[in-house]
Protein backbone atom coordinates (compact mmCIF):
# COMPACT_ATOMS: atom_id res chain seq x y z
CA MET A 1 114.33 117.07 96.41
CA THR A 2 112.61 117.33 93.02
CA GLN A 3 108.89 117.27 92.23
CA SER A 4 109.40 114.10 90.17
CA PHE A 5 111.00 112.32 93.15
CA ASP A 6 108.10 113.45 95.35
CA GLU A 7 105.64 111.92 92.87
CA VAL A 8 107.53 108.63 93.03
CA MET A 9 107.55 108.75 96.82
CA ALA A 10 103.79 109.38 96.97
CA ILE A 11 103.23 105.85 95.64
CA ARG A 12 105.05 104.49 98.73
CA LYS A 13 102.38 105.89 101.12
CA LEU A 14 104.92 106.39 103.91
CA PRO A 15 106.65 109.53 105.22
CA ASN A 16 109.36 110.73 102.85
CA PRO A 17 112.90 109.71 103.79
CA GLU A 18 115.22 112.26 105.35
CA ASP A 19 116.70 114.68 102.80
CA SER A 20 120.18 113.36 103.53
CA GLU A 21 119.19 109.80 102.62
CA VAL A 22 118.94 110.36 98.85
CA THR A 23 121.42 112.32 96.73
CA ILE A 24 120.82 112.95 93.02
CA THR A 25 123.63 114.77 91.20
CA GLY A 26 123.76 116.28 87.72
CA ALA A 27 121.15 117.55 85.29
CA ASP A 28 119.82 117.12 81.76
CA PRO A 29 120.31 117.27 78.86
CA VAL A 30 122.48 114.15 78.71
CA PHE A 31 121.38 113.17 75.21
CA THR A 32 120.19 115.21 72.25
CA SER A 33 116.58 115.25 73.35
CA ARG A 34 114.11 117.87 74.49
CA PHE A 35 113.14 115.72 77.47
CA LYS A 36 114.74 115.27 80.89
CA LEU A 37 115.44 111.59 80.43
CA GLY A 38 118.23 111.42 83.00
CA GLU A 39 116.41 113.31 85.74
CA ALA A 40 113.18 111.34 85.27
CA THR A 41 115.05 108.01 85.38
CA ALA A 42 117.14 109.12 88.37
CA SER A 43 113.98 109.93 90.34
CA ILE A 44 112.53 106.49 89.67
CA LEU A 45 115.79 104.67 90.43
CA SER A 46 116.07 106.66 93.66
CA GLY A 47 112.60 105.36 94.49
CA VAL A 48 113.87 101.82 93.90
CA GLY A 49 116.71 102.58 96.32
CA VAL A 50 114.33 103.86 98.99
CA ALA A 51 112.13 100.77 98.57
CA VAL A 52 115.17 98.50 98.95
CA THR A 53 116.16 100.49 102.04
CA ASP A 54 112.65 99.99 103.48
CA ILE A 55 113.17 96.22 103.15
CA HIS A 56 116.67 96.46 104.61
CA GLU A 57 115.21 98.35 107.57
CA LEU A 58 112.54 95.67 108.09
CA LYS A 59 115.31 93.06 108.19
CA THR A 60 117.98 94.94 110.18
CA GLY A 61 116.49 98.10 111.69
CA ARG A 62 118.92 100.25 109.69
CA ARG A 63 118.42 102.59 106.74
CA GLN A 64 120.91 103.37 103.99
CA LYS A 65 122.31 106.28 102.02
CA ILE A 66 121.45 106.32 98.30
CA ASN A 67 123.33 108.12 95.53
CA ILE A 68 122.74 108.35 91.80
CA ASP A 69 124.17 110.46 89.00
CA VAL A 70 121.75 111.79 86.37
CA LYS A 71 124.16 110.90 83.54
CA HIS A 72 124.45 107.33 84.79
CA ALA A 73 120.67 107.07 85.13
CA ALA A 74 120.23 108.29 81.56
CA ALA A 75 122.79 105.75 80.31
CA THR A 76 120.65 102.88 81.59
CA CYS A 77 117.99 103.83 79.01
CA ARG A 78 120.48 103.00 76.24
CA SER A 79 122.24 100.10 77.89
CA SER A 80 122.00 97.62 75.00
CA LEU A 81 123.68 100.20 72.74
CA TYR A 82 126.72 100.18 75.02
CA LEU A 83 127.27 96.41 74.81
CA ARG A 84 130.81 95.52 73.74
CA GLN A 85 132.57 92.30 72.71
CA PRO A 86 136.25 91.78 71.92
CA ASN A 87 137.35 91.66 68.30
CA ILE A 88 140.10 89.40 66.97
CA ASN A 89 142.67 91.73 68.52
CA GLY A 90 141.02 91.49 71.93
CA GLU A 91 139.75 95.08 71.79
CA PHE A 92 136.18 95.70 72.90
CA GLU A 93 133.94 97.15 70.20
CA PRO A 94 130.19 97.76 69.91
CA ILE A 95 127.90 94.83 69.16
CA SER A 96 126.02 95.55 65.96
CA ALA A 97 122.23 95.38 66.03
CA SER A 98 120.85 92.20 64.49
CA PRO A 99 119.80 92.66 60.84
CA SER A 100 116.14 92.23 61.79
CA MET A 101 116.38 94.99 64.41
CA ALA A 102 118.20 97.34 62.04
CA HIS A 103 115.49 96.77 59.45
CA MET A 104 112.72 97.22 62.02
CA ARG A 105 114.14 100.57 63.13
CA SER A 106 114.37 101.81 59.54
CA ILE A 107 110.61 101.41 58.97
CA THR A 108 109.26 101.87 62.50
CA GLN A 109 109.21 105.62 62.08
CA PRO A 110 106.58 108.37 61.80
CA TRP A 111 105.11 108.52 58.27
CA GLN A 112 102.68 111.14 57.01
CA CYS A 113 99.08 110.20 56.19
CA LYS A 114 96.90 111.75 53.49
CA ASP A 115 95.16 113.93 56.13
CA GLY A 116 98.52 115.54 57.00
CA ARG A 117 98.87 113.74 60.33
CA TRP A 118 101.71 111.42 61.24
CA TYR A 119 101.33 107.74 62.05
CA LEU A 120 103.91 105.28 63.40
CA PRO A 121 103.44 101.61 62.43
CA HIS A 122 105.49 99.14 64.47
CA PHE A 123 107.27 96.24 62.80
CA ASN A 124 109.03 94.33 65.58
CA LEU A 125 108.66 90.52 65.70
CA PRO A 126 107.81 88.59 62.52
CA HIS A 127 104.11 87.93 63.17
CA LEU A 128 103.38 91.56 64.10
CA HIS A 129 105.43 92.79 61.15
CA ASP A 130 103.39 90.65 58.79
CA ARG A 131 100.10 91.90 60.21
CA VAL A 132 101.03 95.54 59.57
CA ILE A 133 102.23 94.72 56.06
CA SER A 134 98.93 92.92 55.39
CA VAL A 135 97.08 96.13 56.30
CA LEU A 136 99.36 98.41 54.28
CA GLN A 137 99.59 96.00 51.33
CA CYS A 138 103.16 97.00 50.53
CA GLU A 139 106.73 95.75 50.53
CA SER A 140 108.81 95.93 53.70
CA ASN A 141 111.05 98.92 53.04
CA ALA A 142 110.97 102.59 53.99
CA ASN A 143 109.88 103.96 50.60
CA ALA A 144 107.08 101.44 50.25
CA VAL A 145 105.82 101.94 53.80
CA ALA A 146 105.87 105.74 53.41
CA LYS A 147 103.90 105.52 50.17
CA ALA A 148 101.37 103.09 51.63
CA VAL A 149 100.78 105.16 54.78
CA SER A 150 100.29 108.30 52.68
CA LYS A 151 97.16 106.74 51.14
CA TRP A 152 95.40 106.37 54.51
CA ASP A 153 93.47 108.66 56.80
CA SER A 154 95.35 108.50 60.12
CA HIS A 155 92.38 107.44 62.29
CA GLU A 156 91.25 104.82 59.79
CA LEU A 157 94.77 103.39 59.67
CA GLU A 158 95.07 103.31 63.46
CA GLU A 159 91.82 101.35 63.73
CA ALA A 160 92.69 99.00 60.87
CA VAL A 161 96.04 98.10 62.44
CA ALA A 162 94.39 97.59 65.84
CA THR A 163 91.71 95.36 64.28
CA ALA A 164 94.50 93.24 62.76
CA ARG A 165 95.95 92.88 66.30
CA ALA A 166 99.09 94.63 65.13
CA CYS A 167 100.74 97.70 66.62
CA GLY A 168 100.86 101.37 65.72
CA SER A 169 99.81 104.82 66.86
CA ILE A 170 98.86 108.24 65.57
CA VAL A 171 101.53 110.77 66.56
CA ARG A 172 99.51 112.88 68.99
CA SER A 173 100.32 116.07 70.86
CA ASN A 174 100.37 115.78 74.63
CA SER A 175 97.28 117.96 74.97
CA GLU A 176 95.44 115.79 72.44
CA TRP A 177 96.45 112.67 74.36
CA LEU A 178 95.20 114.09 77.64
CA GLN A 179 91.85 114.87 76.00
CA HIS A 180 91.59 111.39 74.48
CA PRO A 181 89.47 109.01 76.61
CA HIS A 182 92.42 106.71 77.20
CA GLY A 183 94.92 109.45 78.00
CA ALA A 184 92.39 111.12 80.30
CA MET A 185 91.90 107.82 82.12
CA LEU A 186 95.64 107.28 82.56
CA SER A 187 96.15 110.84 83.83
CA LEU A 188 94.03 109.94 86.87
CA LYS A 189 96.14 106.90 87.73
CA PRO A 190 99.41 106.87 89.68
CA LEU A 191 102.67 106.08 87.95
CA VAL A 192 102.59 102.66 89.64
CA GLU A 193 99.31 100.99 90.63
CA ILE A 194 99.40 98.65 93.62
CA GLU A 195 96.15 96.84 94.41
CA LYS A 196 95.61 94.43 97.27
CA ILE A 197 93.84 91.36 95.83
CA GLY A 198 93.94 88.90 98.73
CA GLU A 199 94.42 88.59 102.46
CA THR A 200 97.16 86.72 104.32
CA ASP A 201 98.97 87.00 107.59
CA PRO A 202 102.18 89.06 107.37
CA ILE A 203 104.91 87.20 105.47
CA PRO A 204 108.37 88.21 106.73
CA PHE A 205 111.37 88.37 104.45
CA PRO A 206 113.63 85.32 104.37
CA LYS A 207 116.88 85.60 106.25
CA GLY A 208 119.93 86.64 104.26
CA LYS A 209 122.44 89.44 103.91
CA ARG A 210 120.95 90.90 100.73
CA PRO A 211 117.54 92.63 100.75
CA LEU A 212 115.86 90.08 98.46
CA ASP A 213 117.69 86.93 99.49
CA GLY A 214 115.23 84.03 99.24
CA ILE A 215 112.66 85.94 97.17
CA ARG A 216 111.65 83.92 94.09
CA VAL A 217 110.66 85.73 90.89
CA LEU A 218 109.09 84.14 87.79
CA ASP A 219 109.85 86.35 84.80
CA LEU A 220 107.63 85.57 81.79
CA THR A 221 108.50 88.80 79.97
CA ARG A 222 110.67 89.75 76.99
CA ILE A 223 111.70 92.90 75.12
CA LEU A 224 112.25 95.15 77.24
CA ALA A 225 110.48 96.63 80.28
CA GLY A 226 109.67 93.30 81.92
CA PRO A 227 113.20 91.91 81.74
CA ILE A 228 114.49 95.19 83.21
CA ALA A 229 112.07 94.88 86.16
CA ALA A 230 113.26 91.35 86.95
CA ARG A 231 116.92 92.27 86.38
CA THR A 232 116.52 95.09 88.94
CA LEU A 233 115.15 92.60 91.48
CA ALA A 234 118.03 90.24 90.70
CA GLU A 235 120.62 92.94 91.40
CA ASN A 236 119.23 93.17 94.93
CA GLY A 237 119.45 89.42 95.58
CA ALA A 238 116.24 87.91 94.17
CA ASN A 239 116.25 84.39 92.72
CA VAL A 240 114.96 85.08 89.18
CA LEU A 241 113.88 82.35 86.76
CA MET A 242 113.16 83.54 83.21
CA VAL A 243 110.48 81.51 81.46
CA THR A 244 110.11 81.63 77.68
CA ALA A 245 109.43 79.15 74.90
CA GLU A 246 111.80 78.04 72.19
CA HIS A 247 109.49 79.25 69.39
CA LEU A 248 109.05 82.79 70.72
CA PRO A 249 111.13 85.41 68.85
CA GLN A 250 113.67 87.44 70.79
CA VAL A 251 116.12 90.28 70.21
CA PRO A 252 119.62 88.85 70.87
CA GLU A 253 121.25 92.04 72.14
CA HIS A 254 118.38 92.66 74.57
CA VAL A 255 118.57 89.09 75.88
CA MET A 256 122.30 89.50 76.43
CA ASP A 257 121.87 92.81 78.23
CA THR A 258 118.75 92.24 80.36
CA SER A 259 119.43 88.74 81.69
CA HIS A 260 122.23 89.38 84.19
CA GLY A 261 121.60 87.65 87.50
CA LYS A 262 118.94 85.28 86.14
CA ARG A 263 118.45 81.65 85.19
CA SER A 264 116.47 80.68 82.07
CA CYS A 265 114.21 77.77 81.12
CA PHE A 266 111.85 76.87 78.28
CA LEU A 267 108.18 76.17 79.03
CA ASN A 268 105.51 76.32 76.33
CA LEU A 269 102.23 77.48 77.87
CA ASN A 270 100.31 75.80 75.05
CA LYS A 271 101.54 72.36 76.14
CA GLU A 272 99.61 70.93 79.08
CA LYS A 273 102.52 69.30 80.91
CA GLU A 274 104.74 72.36 80.58
CA LEU A 275 101.93 74.66 81.72
CA GLU A 276 101.50 72.39 84.74
CA THR A 277 105.21 72.75 85.51
CA LEU A 278 104.86 76.53 85.36
CA LYS A 279 101.90 76.43 87.74
CA LYS A 280 103.92 74.35 90.20
CA LEU A 281 106.72 76.91 90.02
CA SER A 282 104.14 79.65 90.64
CA MET A 283 103.01 77.98 93.84
CA GLN A 284 106.52 78.50 95.26
CA ALA A 285 107.08 81.98 93.78
CA ASP A 286 106.89 85.31 95.57
CA VAL A 287 106.65 87.36 92.37
CA PHE A 288 105.00 86.56 89.03
CA SER A 289 105.80 89.03 86.21
CA GLN A 290 104.10 89.02 82.80
CA GLY A 291 103.48 91.32 79.86
CA TYR A 292 100.89 89.50 77.76
CA ARG A 293 97.75 91.10 76.33
CA PRO A 294 94.62 91.02 78.54
CA GLY A 295 92.95 87.59 78.65
CA ILE A 296 95.98 85.48 77.73
CA MET A 297 97.05 84.68 81.28
CA GLU A 298 93.46 84.07 82.38
CA LYS A 299 93.05 81.53 79.56
CA HIS A 300 95.98 79.59 81.03
CA GLY A 301 94.74 79.82 84.61
CA LEU A 302 97.42 82.38 85.52
CA SER A 303 95.46 85.59 86.12
CA PRO A 304 96.22 87.68 89.24
CA GLU A 305 93.05 86.51 90.96
CA GLN A 306 93.64 82.86 90.09
CA LEU A 307 97.20 82.88 91.40
CA ALA A 308 96.28 84.87 94.50
CA SER A 309 93.64 82.27 95.42
CA GLU A 310 96.03 79.35 94.86
CA ARG A 311 99.22 80.97 96.14
CA PRO A 312 98.23 83.51 98.83
CA GLY A 313 100.86 86.21 99.20
CA ILE A 314 101.83 86.35 95.51
CA ILE A 315 102.99 89.68 94.10
CA TYR A 316 101.71 89.82 90.52
CA LEU A 317 103.29 92.33 88.11
CA SER A 318 101.47 93.25 84.88
CA ILE A 319 103.33 95.31 82.28
CA SER A 320 101.57 96.76 79.23
CA CYS A 321 101.86 99.56 76.71
CA TYR A 322 98.58 101.37 77.33
CA GLY A 323 97.68 100.46 80.90
CA HIS A 324 94.48 99.07 82.35
CA GLY A 325 90.93 100.36 82.12
CA GLY A 326 90.63 102.48 78.98
CA PRO A 327 89.55 101.94 75.36
CA PHE A 328 93.10 101.08 74.23
CA SER A 329 93.82 98.63 77.08
CA ASP A 330 93.57 95.55 74.87
CA ARG A 331 96.07 96.90 72.33
CA GLY A 332 99.67 95.79 72.22
CA GLY A 333 102.48 98.28 71.96
CA TRP A 334 106.13 99.14 72.22
CA GLU A 335 108.48 101.96 73.20
CA GLN A 336 107.97 103.93 69.99
CA ILE A 337 104.18 103.70 70.27
CA ALA A 338 104.20 105.11 73.81
CA GLN A 339 106.37 108.00 72.60
CA SER A 340 103.99 108.63 69.69
CA ALA A 341 100.78 108.42 71.70
CA THR A 342 101.77 110.67 74.61
CA GLY A 343 103.25 113.65 72.74
CA ILE A 344 106.94 112.88 73.23
CA CYS A 345 107.63 112.04 69.58
CA LEU A 346 105.91 115.18 68.29
CA ASP A 347 107.63 117.57 70.71
CA ASN A 348 111.01 115.90 70.30
CA GLY A 349 110.89 116.74 66.58
CA VAL A 350 110.39 120.48 67.12
CA ASN A 351 113.10 122.58 65.47
CA VAL A 352 114.42 119.63 63.48
CA GLY A 353 115.08 120.69 59.87
CA ASP A 354 112.60 118.45 58.05
CA GLY A 355 109.75 119.08 60.49
CA ARG A 356 109.15 115.39 61.17
CA PRO A 357 108.25 114.05 64.60
CA LYS A 358 111.36 112.44 66.06
CA LEU A 359 111.82 109.44 68.33
CA LEU A 360 114.00 109.72 71.42
CA PRO A 361 117.63 108.60 71.26
CA ALA A 362 116.91 106.21 74.16
CA SER A 363 114.24 103.66 75.08
CA ALA A 364 113.17 105.76 78.04
CA CYS A 365 109.56 104.54 78.27
CA ASP A 366 110.66 100.90 78.31
CA TYR A 367 113.43 101.27 80.88
CA THR A 368 111.54 103.56 83.24
CA THR A 369 108.54 101.21 83.07
CA GLY A 370 110.84 98.34 84.05
CA TYR A 371 112.17 100.31 87.00
CA ASN A 372 108.62 101.33 87.93
CA GLY A 373 107.64 97.66 87.90
CA ALA A 374 110.52 96.73 90.19
CA TYR A 375 109.64 99.65 92.48
CA GLY A 376 106.02 98.49 92.74
CA VAL A 377 107.07 94.92 93.50
CA LEU A 378 109.47 96.08 96.22
CA LEU A 379 106.76 98.22 97.83
CA ALA A 380 104.28 95.34 97.66
CA LEU A 381 106.77 92.90 99.20
CA ALA A 382 107.32 95.33 102.08
CA ARG A 383 103.55 95.73 102.57
CA ARG A 384 103.20 91.95 102.56
CA ALA A 385 105.80 91.75 105.33
CA ARG A 386 104.13 94.47 107.39
CA GLU A 387 100.43 93.68 106.94
CA GLY A 388 100.12 90.57 104.78
CA GLY A 389 98.22 90.24 101.52
CA SER A 390 98.51 89.39 97.84
CA TYR A 391 99.08 92.32 95.48
CA HIS A 392 98.65 93.22 91.83
CA VAL A 393 101.15 95.79 90.53
CA ARG A 394 100.45 97.48 87.19
CA VAL A 395 102.76 99.68 85.12
CA SER A 396 102.59 100.81 81.50
CA LEU A 397 104.79 102.40 78.86
CA CYS A 398 102.29 105.19 78.18
CA ARG A 399 101.98 106.15 81.85
CA SER A 400 105.78 106.24 82.07
CA GLY A 401 105.86 108.39 78.93
CA MET A 402 103.39 110.79 80.55
CA PHE A 403 105.68 111.01 83.61
CA ILE A 404 108.64 111.85 81.37
CA TYR A 405 106.61 114.48 79.54
CA GLN A 406 105.51 116.10 82.80
CA GLN A 407 109.13 116.89 83.71
CA GLY A 408 109.20 119.61 81.05
CA HIS A 409 111.58 120.40 78.23
CA VAL A 410 115.26 121.18 77.91
CA GLU A 411 117.18 122.32 74.86
CA PRO A 412 120.13 120.10 73.88
CA THR A 413 123.31 122.01 73.16
CA LYS A 414 124.67 119.91 70.27
CA PRO A 415 123.87 116.87 68.12
CA ASP A 416 124.69 113.30 69.15
CA MET A 417 125.16 114.07 72.84
CA ASP A 418 126.21 111.08 74.96
CA LEU A 419 128.40 110.08 77.88
CA SER A 420 132.11 110.22 77.19
CA THR A 421 134.15 107.03 77.02
CA GLN A 422 135.64 107.87 80.42
CA GLU A 423 132.18 108.44 81.94
CA LEU A 424 130.94 105.14 80.56
CA ASP A 425 134.01 103.25 81.79
CA GLU A 426 133.09 104.29 85.34
CA ILE A 427 129.92 102.20 85.17
CA MET A 428 130.90 99.40 82.77
CA LEU A 429 131.59 95.81 83.84
CA GLU A 430 133.18 92.83 82.10
CA SER A 431 131.46 89.44 82.26
CA ASP A 432 132.16 85.96 80.97
CA CYS A 433 128.71 84.74 80.00
CA ALA A 434 127.03 82.25 77.68
CA PHE A 435 127.73 84.62 74.78
CA GLY A 436 131.44 84.91 75.55
CA LYS A 437 133.18 87.86 77.12
CA ILE A 438 131.11 91.06 77.11
CA LYS A 439 131.42 94.57 78.46
CA HIS A 440 128.17 96.09 79.69
CA LEU A 441 126.66 98.61 82.07
CA GLY A 442 126.53 97.59 85.69
CA PRO A 443 124.03 98.74 88.33
CA VAL A 444 124.21 102.53 88.65
CA LEU A 445 122.49 103.00 92.01
CA THR A 446 124.93 103.34 94.92
CA MET A 447 123.73 102.13 98.34
CA SER A 448 125.74 102.42 101.54
CA GLU A 449 125.16 98.92 102.98
CA THR A 450 123.76 96.57 100.31
CA ARG A 451 125.64 97.08 97.06
CA PRO A 452 123.48 96.11 94.05
CA PHE A 453 125.16 93.42 91.94
CA TRP A 454 124.36 90.38 89.81
CA ASP A 455 125.58 87.07 91.18
CA LYS A 456 125.53 85.23 87.83
CA PRO A 457 126.16 86.20 84.19
CA SER A 458 123.55 86.26 81.43
CA PRO A 459 122.55 82.70 80.51
CA ARG A 460 121.65 81.33 77.13
CA LEU A 461 117.87 81.08 76.85
CA GLY A 462 116.54 77.71 77.97
CA SER A 463 119.87 76.57 79.40
CA ASN A 464 118.59 75.87 82.92
CA SER A 465 116.14 73.40 84.41
CA ALA A 466 112.60 74.49 85.29
CA ASP A 467 113.03 74.47 89.04
CA TRP A 468 114.00 76.71 91.91
CA LEU A 469 117.50 76.90 93.30
CA ASN A 470 117.63 76.45 97.07
C-alpha cells in the first residue's frame, strides 16, 4: 500500500488492515495538474472505507473488502462541475455556474503586487467580497483588481485584508510555508486531529443494517468541505439534518450537489427561540459539525466543551481553512487560499507560458478536507463505542493542502485532461430532487457488504421541520 494511505491509517491508531482488504487501482495524472489529486483523494477515501468497516465489525464481527479507482476518486473533487439537467429536448447538459460564481472565479486569481510577489484576494459571498473591495478601493472586475493589487506590498496587503476580516493569501512556496510560524505549526499536526474532551461509558452503535443507522448528525456547514463531510456520513446511513438560515448566502450548484441524503431546516442562531431549538436538537445529536470562525460557536453556547458537558458522548467536528493553534487560526479562508498558502498554486503554475501561479482544476483541498472530517468522525464514533468519551475532531483546508503537496509531482501529458464521458457514466446517477431531475456523481467507494448510497434526494434549503426523524 502507498505511503499516503499509511499516513491516513496512522490516525486510526489500530493495526493496519490486511493488504487484501483495500484495493486502489489507477494512477495520476487524471487532470492537467502537477499534483497527484486522484491518488491523494483515493488514500483518504480508502481510510473512510476502513473506518466504516471498523464500525461494521463492531456491529457484526465481520470486515469488508474496499475498492476505489484513482480516476473516480479524482472526479469527486470536481463533482459540482459534472452536474447535469435535461434541456427542452430531454438531453442532459451541464449546469452553468451561477453568474455570481462565474464573476467570483474571474477575480479570485493570483495578481502581482508591486514587490513582485503574487497575492490572491478571495471574493466569494457578498459581505466578504465587499470587504476586499473596500481594502483595494477599486471596481469589481479583473482589470481593476489587478491594477489595485499592483499598488500594494504583498505582506501589507495580506495584513490589511485580514484586519478587514476578509480573505486572501500571499502565494507562497511550500518551503516558505513550512518556515512560516503557522505552516511550521501545522506540519507537526496529524492530517486529522481527534481529541478526547469528556468521559462517558461506552456508547454502542444503534441497531440497523447500515453502519451509521440511528446516528444523528447536525450539519451547520456550507460551501464546501463541511457539506461533503456530512454527505459522506449520510451515504453510510447517518440521519443528517442541515441547519442554515434564510439570510445566509449559498452557492446553488454546491447545495444541489452536496445535499444528497440529508434533510434541511432554517434556524437563525441570532434569534433566541431558534437558537434554543438548535440546542435541543444538539442534545439528541451524535455529531455536531460546524465551520465558523473561532469564538462564534462559543458566543452561542455551542463550543465543543459546552456541548460535551451538556450532551456527553457528542462528536464535535470543526472545519477551518488554517487549522487550530497558529497565528492565522482566526482567519477565514477558502479552497483557493489553501492552495496559495501551501505552495500548490505556485508549483502548479510552473512551465505555464505566462509564468503566473495557477490554481488547480479541482477543489481538492475542500473535498479532501470533507472526507478527512468524515473519517475523523467515524474513528471517534468507533472509539466512543469501544471506550466511551466525547471527542473533538479538527480538520483544515491548509493541512489537507499540505498532504496533497507531500505526495509529490507528476507531469500532465496534455491540456484539459478529464475523465471520458464513458468513465463518468460509470459513476453517475439520476435523481428526482427538489431542483427537478439531475444527473450527478454517486458514491465512488465500493464496499463488499454495506454499499454506500443516499436514501433521499437533495432537498430545497429550509424545506424540512427542525426535528429528528425516528
